[in-house]
Amino acid sequence: MDQNLTHLIDKLQNKKIMVIGDMVADIYLEGKISRISREAPVLILEHAGETVVPGGAANAVHNAATLGGQVYAVGVIGDDNAGQQLSQVLSNKNVNTQGFIIDNSRPTITKPA
């Protein structure tokens, strides 16, 4: 790795960083193809699970925390499974999510990945 980049990563350690933005939950579906639809040439997925990973501003939050920063995330999430999973993933990286505004009137922004 370039010495300049390593130096920059070292300087990031324990720096306080606030990220404000759209907290997106990228959702990866897991399963297997069970059949092809009779009505159209469409594959039918037998759902086995899903994985939520940070997207949008939440991806920047996750990356900064992974590089050693003390990250404070600020954004709106819904009171739903995607919001809860996104909060959990970020909390596991020691991100401060007290800046999350939980809005019962809207879902967490999601993107199927």
PDB file of N, CA and C in Angstrom:
ATOM      1  N   MET A   1       0.850  -1.183   0.000  1.00  0.00           N
ATOM      2  CA  MET A   1       0.000   0.000   0.000  1.00  0.00           C
ATOM      3  C   MET A   1       0.888   1.236   0.000  1.00  0.00           C
ATOM      4  N   ASP A   2       0.437   2.254  -0.668  1.00  0.00           N
ATOM      5  CA  ASP A   2       1.158   3.523  -0.735  1.00  0.00           C
ATOM      6  C   ASP A   2       1.337   4.094   0.676  1.00  0.00           C
ATOM      7  N   GLN A   3       2.530   4.554   1.005  1.00  0.00           N
ATOM      8  CA  GLN A   3       2.833   5.083   2.338  1.00  0.00           C
ATOM      9  C   GLN A   3       1.936   6.274   2.693  1.00  0.00           C
ATOM     10  N   ASN A   4       1.582   7.087   1.701  1.00  0.00           N
ATOM     11  CA  ASN A   4       0.717   8.235   1.966  1.00  0.00           C
ATOM     12  C   ASN A   4      -0.659   7.786   2.437  1.00  0.00           C
ATOM     13  N   LEU A   5      -1.188   6.736   1.823  1.00  0.00           N
ATOM     14  CA  LEU A   5      -2.499   6.233   2.223  1.00  0.00           C
ATOM     15  C   LEU A   5      -2.450   5.623   3.614  1.00  0.00           C
ATOM     16  N   THR A   6      -1.399   4.886   3.894  1.00  0.00           N
ATOM     17  CA  THR A   6      -1.243   4.296   5.221  1.00  0.00           C
ATOM     18  C   THR A   6      -1.174   5.395   6.282  1.00  0.00           C
ATOM     19  N   HIS A   7      -0.458   6.454   5.972  1.00  0.00           N
ATOM     20  CA  HIS A   7      -0.348   7.585   6.890  1.00  0.00           C
ATOM     21  C   HIS A   7      -1.721   8.219   7.133  1.00  0.00           C
ATOM     22  N   LEU A   8      -2.522   8.355   6.095  1.00  0.00           N
ATOM     23  CA  LEU A   8      -3.855   8.933   6.243  1.00  0.00           C
ATOM     24  C   LEU A   8      -4.754   8.050   7.098  1.00  0.00           C
ATOM     25  N   ILE A   9      -4.651   6.746   6.910  1.00  0.00           N
ATOM     26  CA  ILE A   9      -5.452   5.822   7.720  1.00  0.00           C
ATOM     27  C   ILE A   9      -5.032   5.917   9.178  1.00  0.00           C
ATOM     28  N   ASP A  10      -3.738   6.012   9.425  1.00  0.00           N
ATOM     29  CA  ASP A  10      -3.250   6.161  10.800  1.00  0.00           C
ATOM     30  C   ASP A  10      -3.783   7.442  11.442  1.00  0.00           C
ATOM     31  N   LYS A  11      -3.871   8.521  10.677  1.00  0.00           N
ATOM     32  CA  LYS A  11      -4.375   9.786  11.201  1.00  0.00           C
ATOM     33  C   LYS A  11      -5.870   9.724  11.523  1.00  0.00           C
ATOM     34  N   LEU A  12      -6.590   8.787  10.914  1.00  0.00           N
ATOM     35  CA  LEU A  12      -8.031   8.649  11.133  1.00  0.00           C
ATOM     36  C   LEU A  12      -8.353   7.971  12.462  1.00  0.00           C
ATOM     37  N   GLN A  13      -7.413   7.259  13.034  1.00  0.00           N
ATOM     38  CA  GLN A  13      -7.665   6.499  14.253  1.00  0.00           C
ATOM     39  C   GLN A  13      -8.212   7.391  15.362  1.00  0.00           C
ATOM     40  N   ASN A  14      -9.385   6.988  15.883  1.00  0.00           N
ATOM     41  CA  ASN A  14     -10.058   7.647  17.007  1.00  0.00           C
ATOM     42  C   ASN A  14     -10.472   9.098  16.743  1.00  0.00           C
ATOM     43  N   LYS A  15     -10.474   9.528  15.486  1.00  0.00           N
ATOM     44  CA  LYS A  15     -10.981  10.870  15.160  1.00  0.00           C
ATOM     45  C   LYS A  15     -12.502  10.831  15.193  1.00  0.00           C
ATOM     46  N   LYS A  16     -13.095  11.885  15.715  1.00  0.00           N
ATOM     47  CA  LYS A  16     -14.549  11.973  15.750  1.00  0.00           C
ATOM     48  C   LYS A  16     -15.055  12.424  14.388  1.00  0.00           C
ATOM     49  N   ILE A  17     -15.996  11.639  13.839  1.00  0.00           N
ATOM     50  CA  ILE A  17     -16.535  11.894  12.503  1.00  0.00           C
ATOM     51  C   ILE A  17     -18.056  11.801  12.578  1.00  0.00           C
ATOM     52  N   MET A  18     -18.740  12.808  12.066  1.00  0.00           N
ATOM     53  CA  MET A  18     -20.198  12.747  11.988  1.00  0.00           C
ATOM     54  C   MET A  18     -20.594  12.643  10.525  1.00  0.00           C
ATOM     55  N   VAL A  19     -21.476  11.688  10.239  1.00  0.00           N
ATOM     56  CA  VAL A  19     -21.993  11.509   8.880  1.00  0.00           C
ATOM     57  C   VAL A  19     -23.507  11.733   8.936  1.00  0.00           C
ATOM     58  N   ILE A  20     -23.969  12.694   8.142  1.00  0.00           N
ATOM     59  CA  ILE A  20     -25.391  13.013   8.062  1.00  0.00           C
ATOM     60  C   ILE A  20     -25.847  12.693   6.647  1.00  0.00           C
ATOM     61  N   GLY A  21     -26.899  11.883   6.523  1.00  0.00           N
ATOM     62  CA  GLY A  21     -27.373  11.570   5.182  1.00  0.00           C
ATOM     63  C   GLY A  21     -28.431  10.489   5.175  1.00  0.00           C
ATOM     64  N   ASP A  22     -28.712   9.996   3.966  1.00  0.00           N
ATOM     65  CA  ASP A  22     -29.707   8.942   3.772  1.00  0.00           C
ATOM     66  C   ASP A  22     -29.118   7.605   4.205  1.00  0.00           C
ATOM     67  N   MET A  23     -29.660   7.051   5.285  1.00  0.00           N
ATOM     68  CA  MET A  23     -29.223   5.752   5.773  1.00  0.00           C
ATOM     69  C   MET A  23     -30.017   4.686   5.017  1.00  0.00           C
ATOM     70  N   VAL A  24     -29.320   3.986   4.147  1.00  0.00           N
ATOM     71  CA  VAL A  24     -29.949   3.012   3.256  1.00  0.00           C
ATOM     72  C   VAL A  24     -29.561   1.603   3.685  1.00  0.00           C
ATOM     73  N   ALA A  25     -30.519   0.699   3.656  1.00  0.00           N
ATOM     74  CA  ALA A  25     -30.259  -0.713   3.923  1.00  0.00           C
ATOM     75  C   ALA A  25     -30.264  -1.447   2.583  1.00  0.00           C
ATOM     76  N   ASP A  26     -29.094  -1.915   2.167  1.00  0.00           N
ATOM     77  CA  ASP A  26     -29.020  -2.750   0.967  1.00  0.00           C
ATOM     78  C   ASP A  26     -29.379  -4.172   1.384  1.00  0.00           C
ATOM     79  N   ILE A  27     -30.346  -4.757   0.707  1.00  0.00           N
ATOM     80  CA  ILE A  27     -30.841  -6.074   1.095  1.00  0.00           C
ATOM     81  C   ILE A  27     -30.474  -7.100   0.032  1.00  0.00           C
ATOM     82  N   TYR A  28     -29.713  -8.109   0.454  1.00  0.00           N
ATOM     83  CA  TYR A  28     -29.343  -9.227  -0.412  1.00  0.00           C
ATOM     84  C   TYR A  28     -30.240 -10.401  -0.075  1.00  0.00           C
ATOM     85  N   LEU A  29     -31.011 -10.852  -1.056  1.00  0.00           N
ATOM     86  CA  LEU A  29     -31.878 -12.011  -0.859  1.00  0.00           C
ATOM     87  C   LEU A  29     -31.088 -13.287  -1.091  1.00  0.00           C
ATOM     88  N   GLU A  30     -31.398 -14.287  -0.292  1.00  0.00           N
ATOM     89  CA  GLU A  30     -30.762 -15.585  -0.435  1.00  0.00           C
ATOM     90  C   GLU A  30     -31.845 -16.625  -0.702  1.00  0.00           C
ATOM     91  N   GLY A  31     -31.535 -17.554  -1.563  1.00  0.00           N
ATOM     92  CA  GLY A  31     -32.490 -18.604  -1.870  1.00  0.00           C
ATOM     93  C   GLY A  31     -32.031 -19.435  -3.040  1.00  0.00           C
ATOM     94  N   LYS A  32     -32.932 -20.256  -3.524  1.00  0.00           N
ATOM     95  CA  LYS A  32     -32.614 -21.065  -4.690  1.00  0.00           C
ATOM     96  C   LYS A  32     -33.783 -20.999  -5.658  1.00  0.00           C
ATOM     97  N   ILE A  33     -33.469 -21.196  -6.918  1.00  0.00           N
ATOM     98  CA  ILE A  33     -34.510 -21.189  -7.939  1.00  0.00           C
ATOM     99  C   ILE A  33     -35.314 -22.475  -7.798  1.00  0.00           C
ATOM    100  N   SER A  34     -36.618 -22.324  -7.562  1.00  0.00           N
ATOM    101  CA  SER A  34     -37.443 -23.512  -7.360  1.00  0.00           C
ATOM    102  C   SER A  34     -38.110 -23.984  -8.652  1.00  0.00           C
ATOM    103  N   ARG A  35     -38.391 -23.036  -9.561  1.00  0.00           N
ATOM    104  CA  ARG A  35     -39.039 -23.413 -10.818  1.00  0.00           C
ATOM    105  C   ARG A  35     -39.096 -22.209 -11.746  1.00  0.00           C
ATOM    106  N   ILE A  36     -39.609 -22.421 -12.938  1.00  0.00           N
ATOM    107  CA  ILE A  36     -39.862 -21.348 -13.890  1.00  0.00           C
ATOM    108  C   ILE A  36     -41.368 -21.163 -13.978  1.00  0.00           C
ATOM    109  N   SER A  37     -41.806 -19.931 -13.952  1.00  0.00           N
ATOM    110  CA  SER A  37     -43.229 -19.636 -14.006  1.00  0.00           C
ATOM    111  C   SER A  37     -43.838 -20.162 -15.298  1.00  0.00           C
ATOM    112  N   ARG A  38     -45.094 -20.655 -15.206  1.00  0.00           N
ATOM    113  CA  ARG A  38     -45.810 -21.133 -16.401  1.00  0.00           C
ATOM    114  C   ARG A  38     -46.313 -19.970 -17.248  1.00  0.00           C
ATOM    115  N   GLU A  39     -46.543 -18.814 -16.610  1.00  0.00           N
ATOM    116  CA  GLU A  39     -47.121 -17.674 -17.302  1.00  0.00           C
ATOM    117  C   GLU A  39     -46.098 -16.878 -18.102  1.00  0.00           C
ATOM    118  N   ALA A  40     -44.853 -16.902 -17.676  1.00  0.00           N
ATOM    119  CA  ALA A  40     -43.821 -16.115 -18.337  1.00  0.00           C
ATOM    120  C   ALA A  40     -42.461 -16.743 -18.034  1.00  0.00           C
ATOM    121  N   PRO A  41     -41.460 -16.426 -18.842  1.00  0.00           N
ATOM    122  CA  PRO A  41     -40.130 -16.992 -18.573  1.00  0.00           C
ATOM    123  C   PRO A  41     -39.446 -16.271 -17.400  1.00  0.00           C
ATOM    124  N   VAL A  42     -40.023 -16.471 -16.218  1.00  0.00           N
ATOM    125  CA  VAL A  42     -39.545 -15.830 -14.998  1.00  0.00           C
ATOM    126  C   VAL A  42     -39.176 -16.917 -13.995  1.00  0.00           C
ATOM    127  N   LEU A  43     -38.003 -16.765 -13.381  1.00  0.00           N
ATOM    128  CA  LEU A  43     -37.569 -17.725 -12.369  1.00  0.00           C
ATOM    129  C   LEU A  43     -38.257 -17.420 -11.043  1.00  0.00           C
ATOM    130  N   ILE A  44     -38.698 -18.458 -10.347  1.00  0.00           N
ATOM    131  CA  ILE A  44     -39.346 -18.313  -9.044  1.00  0.00           C
ATOM    132  C   ILE A  44     -38.326 -18.683  -7.974  1.00  0.00           C
ATOM    133  N   LEU A  45     -38.061 -17.734  -7.058  1.00  0.00           N
ATOM    134  CA  LEU A  45     -37.074 -17.919  -6.015  1.00  0.00           C
ATOM    135  C   LEU A  45     -37.730 -18.484  -4.763  1.00  0.00           C
ATOM    136  N   GLU A  46     -37.134 -19.523  -4.210  1.00  0.00           N
ATOM    137  CA  GLU A  46     -37.555 -20.038  -2.914  1.00  0.00           C
ATOM    138  C   GLU A  46     -36.719 -19.303  -1.869  1.00  0.00           C
ATOM    139  N   HIS A  47     -37.361 -18.382  -1.152  1.00  0.00           N
ATOM    140  CA  HIS A  47     -36.662 -17.486  -0.224  1.00  0.00           C
ATOM    141  C   HIS A  47     -36.112 -18.272   0.965  1.00  0.00           C
ATOM    142  N   ALA A  48     -34.800 -18.111   1.219  1.00  0.00           N
ATOM    143  CA  ALA A  48     -34.160 -18.799   2.342  1.00  0.00           C
ATOM    144  C   ALA A  48     -33.668 -17.822   3.400  1.00  0.00           C
ATOM    145  N   GLY A  49     -33.572 -16.546   3.062  1.00  0.00           N
ATOM    146  CA  GLY A  49     -33.100 -15.552   4.021  1.00  0.00           C
ATOM    147  C   GLY A  49     -32.677 -14.293   3.320  1.00  0.00           C
ATOM    148  N   GLU A  50     -32.172 -13.362   4.116  1.00  0.00           N
ATOM    149  CA  GLU A  50     -31.683 -12.118   3.554  1.00  0.00           C
ATOM    150  C   GLU A  50     -30.594 -11.545   4.452  1.00  0.00           C
ATOM    151  N   THR A  51     -29.743 -10.733   3.850  1.00  0.00           N
ATOM    152  CA  THR A  51     -28.669 -10.081   4.571  1.00  0.00           C
ATOM    153  C   THR A  51     -28.782  -8.583   4.324  1.00  0.00           C
ATOM    154  N   VAL A  52     -28.696  -7.795   5.392  1.00  0.00           N
ATOM    155  CA  VAL A  52     -28.756  -6.345   5.277  1.00  0.00           C
ATOM    156  C   VAL A  52     -27.347  -5.795   5.470  1.00  0.00           C
ATOM    157  N   VAL A  53     -26.908  -4.973   4.522  1.00  0.00           N
ATOM    158  CA  VAL A  53     -25.611  -4.303   4.620  1.00  0.00           C
ATOM    159  C   VAL A  53     -25.838  -2.801   4.440  1.00  0.00           C
ATOM    160  N   PRO A  54     -24.965  -1.981   5.029  1.00  0.00           N
ATOM    161  CA  PRO A  54     -25.142  -0.534   4.939  1.00  0.00           C
ATOM    162  C   PRO A  54     -24.972  -0.016   3.508  1.00  0.00           C
ATOM    163  N   GLY A  55     -25.876   0.847   3.103  1.00  0.00           N
ATOM    164  CA  GLY A  55     -25.799   1.511   1.809  1.00  0.00           C
ATOM    165  C   GLY A  55     -25.985   3.007   1.997  1.00  0.00           C
ATOM    166  N   GLY A  56     -25.797   3.763   0.937  1.00  0.00           N
ATOM    167  CA  GLY A  56     -25.943   5.216   1.017  1.00  0.00           C
ATOM    168  C   GLY A  56     -24.969   5.793   2.031  1.00  0.00           C
ATOM    169  N   ALA A  57     -25.442   6.741   2.846  1.00  0.00           N
ATOM    170  CA  ALA A  57     -24.586   7.343   3.868  1.00  0.00           C
ATOM    171  C   ALA A  57     -24.163   6.320   4.917  1.00  0.00           C
ATOM    172  N   ALA A  58     -24.982   5.294   5.135  1.00  0.00           N
ATOM    173  CA  ALA A  58     -24.631   4.246   6.101  1.00  0.00           C
ATOM    174  C   ALA A  58     -23.379   3.491   5.652  1.00  0.00           C
ATOM    175  N   ASN A  59     -23.144   3.409   4.351  1.00  0.00           N
ATOM    176  CA  ASN A  59     -21.927   2.778   3.846  1.00  0.00           C
ATOM    177  C   ASN A  59     -20.705   3.622   4.219  1.00  0.00           C
ATOM    178  N   ALA A  60     -20.813   4.936   4.099  1.00  0.00           N
ATOM    179  CA  ALA A  60     -19.712   5.821   4.503  1.00  0.00           C
ATOM    180  C   ALA A  60     -19.463   5.706   6.001  1.00  0.00           C
ATOM    181  N   VAL A  61     -20.531   5.601   6.781  1.00  0.00           N
ATOM    182  CA  VAL A  61     -20.420   5.416   8.235  1.00  0.00           C
ATOM    183  C   VAL A  61     -19.654   4.128   8.534  1.00  0.00           C
ATOM    184  N   HIS A  62     -20.072   3.050   7.903  1.00  0.00           N
ATOM    185  CA  HIS A  62     -19.456   1.739   8.115  1.00  0.00           C
ATOM    186  C   HIS A  62     -17.980   1.764   7.733  1.00  0.00           C
ATOM    187  N   ASN A  63     -17.663   2.366   6.597  1.00  0.00           N
ATOM    188  CA  ASN A  63     -16.273   2.421   6.139  1.00  0.00           C
ATOM    189  C   ASN A  63     -15.398   3.241   7.093  1.00  0.00           C
ATOM    190  N   ALA A  64     -15.886   4.379   7.539  1.00  0.00           N
ATOM    191  CA  ALA A  64     -15.107   5.221   8.450  1.00  0.00           C
ATOM    192  C   ALA A  64     -14.872   4.508   9.781  1.00  0.00           C
ATOM    193  N   ALA A  65     -15.883   3.783  10.261  1.00  0.00           N
ATOM    194  CA  ALA A  65     -15.724   3.024  11.504  1.00  0.00           C
ATOM    195  C   ALA A  65     -14.731   1.885  11.327  1.00  0.00           C
ATOM    196  N   THR A  66     -14.781   1.222  10.173  1.00  0.00           N
ATOM    197  CA  THR A  66     -13.850   0.127   9.891  1.00  0.00           C
ATOM    198  C   THR A  66     -12.412   0.626   9.864  1.00  0.00           C
ATOM    199  N   LEU A  67     -12.211   1.857   9.403  1.00  0.00           N
ATOM    200  CA  LEU A  67     -10.866   2.438   9.332  1.00  0.00           C
ATOM    201  C   LEU A  67     -10.398   3.025  10.661  1.00  0.00           C
ATOM    202  N   GLY A  68     -11.245   2.956  11.698  1.00  0.00           N
ATOM    203  CA  GLY A  68     -10.802   3.349  13.028  1.00  0.00           C
ATOM    204  C   GLY A  68     -11.346   4.639  13.573  1.00  0.00           C
ATOM    205  N   GLY A  69     -12.253   5.290  12.868  1.00  0.00           N
ATOM    206  CA  GLY A  69     -12.819   6.538  13.367  1.00  0.00           C
ATOM    207  C   GLY A  69     -13.903   6.305  14.402  1.00  0.00           C
ATOM    208  N   GLN A  70     -14.133   7.302  15.245  1.00  0.00           N
ATOM    209  CA  GLN A  70     -15.264   7.292  16.174  1.00  0.00           C
ATOM    210  C   GLN A  70     -16.414   7.972  15.428  1.00  0.00           C
ATOM    211  N   VAL A  71     -17.335   7.182  14.925  1.00  0.00           N
ATOM    212  CA  VAL A  71     -18.327   7.697  13.985  1.00  0.00           C
ATOM    213  C   VAL A  71     -19.680   7.895  14.661  1.00  0.00           C
ATOM    214  N   TYR A  72     -20.279   9.053  14.345  1.00  0.00           N
ATOM    215  CA  TYR A  72     -21.610   9.409  14.806  1.00  0.00           C
ATOM    216  C   TYR A  72     -22.504   9.491  13.574  1.00  0.00           C
ATOM    217  N   ALA A  73     -23.522   8.639  13.522  1.00  0.00           N
ATOM    218  CA  ALA A  73     -24.415   8.581  12.362  1.00  0.00           C
ATOM    219  C   ALA A  73     -25.696   9.351  12.652  1.00  0.00           C
ATOM    220  N   VAL A  74     -26.102  10.192  11.699  1.00  0.00           N
ATOM    221  CA  VAL A  74     -27.325  10.974  11.837  1.00  0.00           C
ATOM    222  C   VAL A  74     -28.155  10.789  10.566  1.00  0.00           C
ATOM    223  N   GLY A  75     -29.383  10.344  10.734  1.00  0.00           N
ATOM    224  CA  GLY A  75     -30.273  10.149   9.597  1.00  0.00           C
ATOM    225  C   GLY A  75     -31.597   9.579  10.055  1.00  0.00           C
ATOM    226  N   VAL A  76     -32.497   9.414   9.110  1.00  0.00           N
ATOM    227  CA  VAL A  76     -33.835   8.910   9.408  1.00  0.00           C
ATOM    228  C   VAL A  76     -33.937   7.452   8.974  1.00  0.00           C
ATOM    229  N   ILE A  77     -34.488   6.629   9.864  1.00  0.00           N
ATOM    230  CA  ILE A  77     -34.804   5.243   9.523  1.00  0.00           C
ATOM    231  C   ILE A  77     -36.247   4.991   9.936  1.00  0.00           C
ATOM    232  N   GLY A  78     -36.830   3.945   9.391  1.00  0.00           N
ATOM    233  CA  GLY A  78     -38.184   3.575   9.774  1.00  0.00           C
ATOM    234  C   GLY A  78     -38.172   2.657  10.985  1.00  0.00           C
ATOM    235  N   ASP A  79     -39.337   2.478  11.557  1.00  0.00           N
ATOM    236  CA  ASP A  79     -39.498   1.543  12.685  1.00  0.00           C
ATOM    237  C   ASP A  79     -39.843   0.182  12.088  1.00  0.00           C
ATOM    238  N   ASP A  80     -38.843  -0.426  11.430  1.00  0.00           N
ATOM    239  CA  ASP A  80     -39.068  -1.685  10.730  1.00  0.00           C
ATOM    240  C   ASP A  80     -37.838  -2.585  10.837  1.00  0.00           C
ATOM    241  N   ASN A  81     -37.942  -3.774  10.292  1.00  0.00           N
ATOM    242  CA  ASN A  81     -36.857  -4.747  10.357  1.00  0.00           C
ATOM    243  C   ASN A  81     -35.580  -4.233   9.694  1.00  0.00           C
ATOM    244  N   ALA A  82     -35.701  -3.590   8.545  1.00  0.00           N
ATOM    245  CA  ALA A  82     -34.521  -3.077   7.846  1.00  0.00           C
ATOM    246  C   ALA A  82     -33.803  -2.039   8.692  1.00  0.00           C
ATOM    247  N   GLY A  83     -34.541  -1.140   9.337  1.00  0.00           N
ATOM    248  CA  GLY A  83     -33.946  -0.130  10.198  1.00  0.00           C
ATOM    249  C   GLY A  83     -33.270  -0.747  11.413  1.00  0.00           C
ATOM    250  N   GLN A  84     -33.916  -1.739  11.998  1.00  0.00           N
ATOM    251  CA  GLN A  84     -33.337  -2.417  13.158  1.00  0.00           C
ATOM    252  C   GLN A  84     -32.055  -3.152  12.787  1.00  0.00           C
ATOM    253  N   GLN A  85     -32.068  -3.842  11.650  1.00  0.00           N
ATOM    254  CA  GLN A  85     -30.872  -4.569  11.224  1.00  0.00           C
ATOM    255  C   GLN A  85     -29.736  -3.611  10.872  1.00  0.00           C
ATOM    256  N   LEU A  86     -30.062  -2.508  10.214  1.00  0.00           N
ATOM    257  CA  LEU A  86     -29.047  -1.515   9.865  1.00  0.00           C
ATOM    258  C   LEU A  86     -28.422  -0.934  11.139  1.00  0.00           C
ATOM    259  N   SER A  87     -29.250  -0.605  12.121  1.00  0.00           N
ATOM    260  CA  SER A  87     -28.742  -0.098  13.396  1.00  0.00           C
ATOM    261  C   SER A  87     -27.832  -1.118  14.067  1.00  0.00           C
ATOM    262  N   GLN A  88     -28.221  -2.387  14.009  1.00  0.00           N
ATOM    263  CA  GLN A  88     -27.433  -3.445  14.643  1.00  0.00           C
ATOM    264  C   GLN A  88     -26.072  -3.608  13.967  1.00  0.00           C
ATOM    265  N   VAL A  89     -26.053  -3.605  12.634  1.00  0.00           N
ATOM    266  CA  VAL A  89     -24.789  -3.752  11.900  1.00  0.00           C
ATOM    267  C   VAL A  89     -23.841  -2.614  12.268  1.00  0.00           C
ATOM    268  N   LEU A  90     -24.359  -1.394  12.320  1.00  0.00           N
ATOM    269  CA  LEU A  90     -23.514  -0.246  12.640  1.00  0.00           C
ATOM    270  C   LEU A  90     -23.085  -0.248  14.106  1.00  0.00           C
ATOM    271  N   SER A  91     -23.978  -0.639  14.993  1.00  0.00           N
ATOM    272  CA  SER A  91     -23.626  -0.731  16.410  1.00  0.00           C
ATOM    273  C   SER A  91     -22.523  -1.759  16.637  1.00  0.00           C
ATOM    274  N   ASN A  92     -22.543  -2.842  15.863  1.00  0.00           N
ATOM    275  CA  ASN A  92     -21.499  -3.864  15.978  1.00  0.00           C
ATOM    276  C   ASN A  92     -20.128  -3.318  15.596  1.00  0.00           C
ATOM    277  N   LYS A  93     -20.094  -2.213  14.839  1.00  0.00           N
ATOM    278  CA  LYS A  93     -18.842  -1.542  14.464  1.00  0.00           C
ATOM    279  C   LYS A  93     -18.529  -0.385  15.415  1.00  0.00           C
ATOM    280  N   ASN A  94     -19.250  -0.343  16.540  1.00  0.00           N
ATOM    281  CA  ASN A  94     -19.080   0.711  17.552  1.00  0.00           C
ATOM    282  C   ASN A  94     -19.446   2.101  17.042  1.00  0.00           C
ATOM    283  N   VAL A  95     -20.382   2.157  16.107  1.00  0.00           N
ATOM    284  CA  VAL A  95     -20.887   3.436  15.614  1.00  0.00           C
ATOM    285  C   VAL A  95     -21.928   3.954  16.607  1.00  0.00           C
ATOM    286  N   ASN A  96     -21.894   5.240  16.890  1.00  0.00           N
ATOM    287  CA  ASN A  96     -22.895   5.872  17.736  1.00  0.00           C
ATOM    288  C   ASN A  96     -24.112   6.178  16.869  1.00  0.00           C
ATOM    289  N   THR A  97     -25.208   5.468  17.107  1.00  0.00           N
ATOM    290  CA  THR A  97     -26.425   5.634  16.299  1.00  0.00           C
ATOM    291  C   THR A  97     -27.510   6.407  17.048  1.00  0.00           C
ATOM    292  N   GLN A  98     -27.133   7.122  18.105  1.00  0.00           N
ATOM    293  CA  GLN A  98     -28.135   7.900  18.843  1.00  0.00           C
ATOM    294  C   GLN A  98     -28.708   9.030  18.005  1.00  0.00           C
ATOM    295  N   GLY A  99     -28.043   9.365  16.899  1.00  0.00           N
ATOM    296  CA  GLY A  99     -28.534  10.392  15.993  1.00  0.00           C
ATOM    297  C   GLY A  99     -29.555   9.877  14.987  1.00  0.00           C
ATOM    298  N   PHE A 100     -29.888   8.589  15.067  1.00  0.00           N
ATOM    299  CA  PHE A 100     -30.922   8.054  14.175  1.00  0.00           C
ATOM    300  C   PHE A 100     -32.284   8.547  14.655  1.00  0.00           C
ATOM    301  N   ILE A 101     -33.049   9.075  13.730  1.00  0.00           N
ATOM    302  CA  ILE A 101     -34.422   9.477  14.004  1.00  0.00           C
ATOM    303  C   ILE A 101     -35.303   8.358  13.479  1.00  0.00           C
ATOM    304  N   ILE A 102     -36.057   7.738  14.366  1.00  0.00           N
ATOM    305  CA  ILE A 102     -36.941   6.643  13.960  1.00  0.00           C
ATOM    306  C   ILE A 102     -38.312   7.231  13.663  1.00  0.00           C
ATOM    307  N   ASP A 103     -38.705   7.145  12.402  1.00  0.00           N
ATOM    308  CA  ASP A 103     -39.964   7.715  11.931  1.00  0.00           C
ATOM    309  C   ASP A 103     -40.950   6.571  11.680  1.00  0.00           C
ATOM    310  N   ASN A 104     -42.008   6.525  12.498  1.00  0.00           N
ATOM    311  CA  ASN A 104     -43.017   5.461  12.374  1.00  0.00           C
ATOM    312  C   ASN A 104     -43.866   5.585  11.121  1.00  0.00           C
ATOM    313  N   SER A 105     -43.844   6.754  10.473  1.00  0.00           N
ATOM    314  CA  SER A 105     -44.727   6.980   9.331  1.00  0.00           C
ATOM    315  C   SER A 105     -44.091   6.595   8.003  1.00  0.00           C
ATOM    316  N   ARG A 106     -42.844   6.131   8.015  1.00  0.00           N
ATOM    317  CA  ARG A 106     -42.176   5.788   6.748  1.00  0.00           C
ATOM    318  C   ARG A 106     -41.252   4.609   6.953  1.00  0.00           C
ATOM    319  N   PRO A 107     -41.003   3.872   5.892  1.00  0.00           N
ATOM    320  CA  PRO A 107     -40.069   2.739   5.998  1.00  0.00           C
ATOM    321  C   PRO A 107     -38.622   3.216   5.849  1.00  0.00           C
ATOM    322  N   THR A 108     -37.708   2.388   6.307  1.00  0.00           N
ATOM    323  CA  THR A 108     -36.288   2.634   6.059  1.00  0.00           C
ATOM    324  C   THR A 108     -36.049   2.541   4.555  1.00  0.00           C
ATOM    325  N   ILE A 109     -35.198   3.410   4.035  1.00  0.00           N
ATOM    326  CA  ILE A 109     -34.855   3.344   2.612  1.00  0.00           C
ATOM    327  C   ILE A 109     -34.130   2.024   2.370  1.00  0.00           C
ATOM    328  N   THR A 110     -34.613   1.246   1.434  1.00  0.00           N
ATOM    329  CA  THR A 110     -33.973  -0.021   1.106  1.00  0.00           C
ATOM    330  C   THR A 110     -33.674  -0.084  -0.375  1.00  0.00           C
ATOM    331  N   LYS A 111     -32.691  -0.895  -0.696  1.00  0.00           N
ATOM    332  CA  LYS A 111     -32.342  -1.121  -2.089  1.00  0.00           C
ATOM    333  C   LYS A 111     -32.025  -2.603  -2.228  1.00  0.00           C
ATOM    334  N   PRO A 112     -32.780  -3.304  -3.036  1.00  0.00           N
ATOM    335  CA  PRO A 112     -32.408  -4.708  -3.277  1.00  0.00           C
ATOM    336  C   PRO A 112     -31.089  -4.769  -4.022  1.00  0.00           C
ATOM    337  N   ALA A 113     -30.189  -5.536  -3.511  1.00  0.00           N
ATOM    338  CA  ALA A 113     -28.860  -5.609  -4.123  1.00  0.00           C
ATOM    339  C   ALA A 113     -28.644  -6.948  -4.802  1.00  0.00           C
TER     340      ALA A 113
END
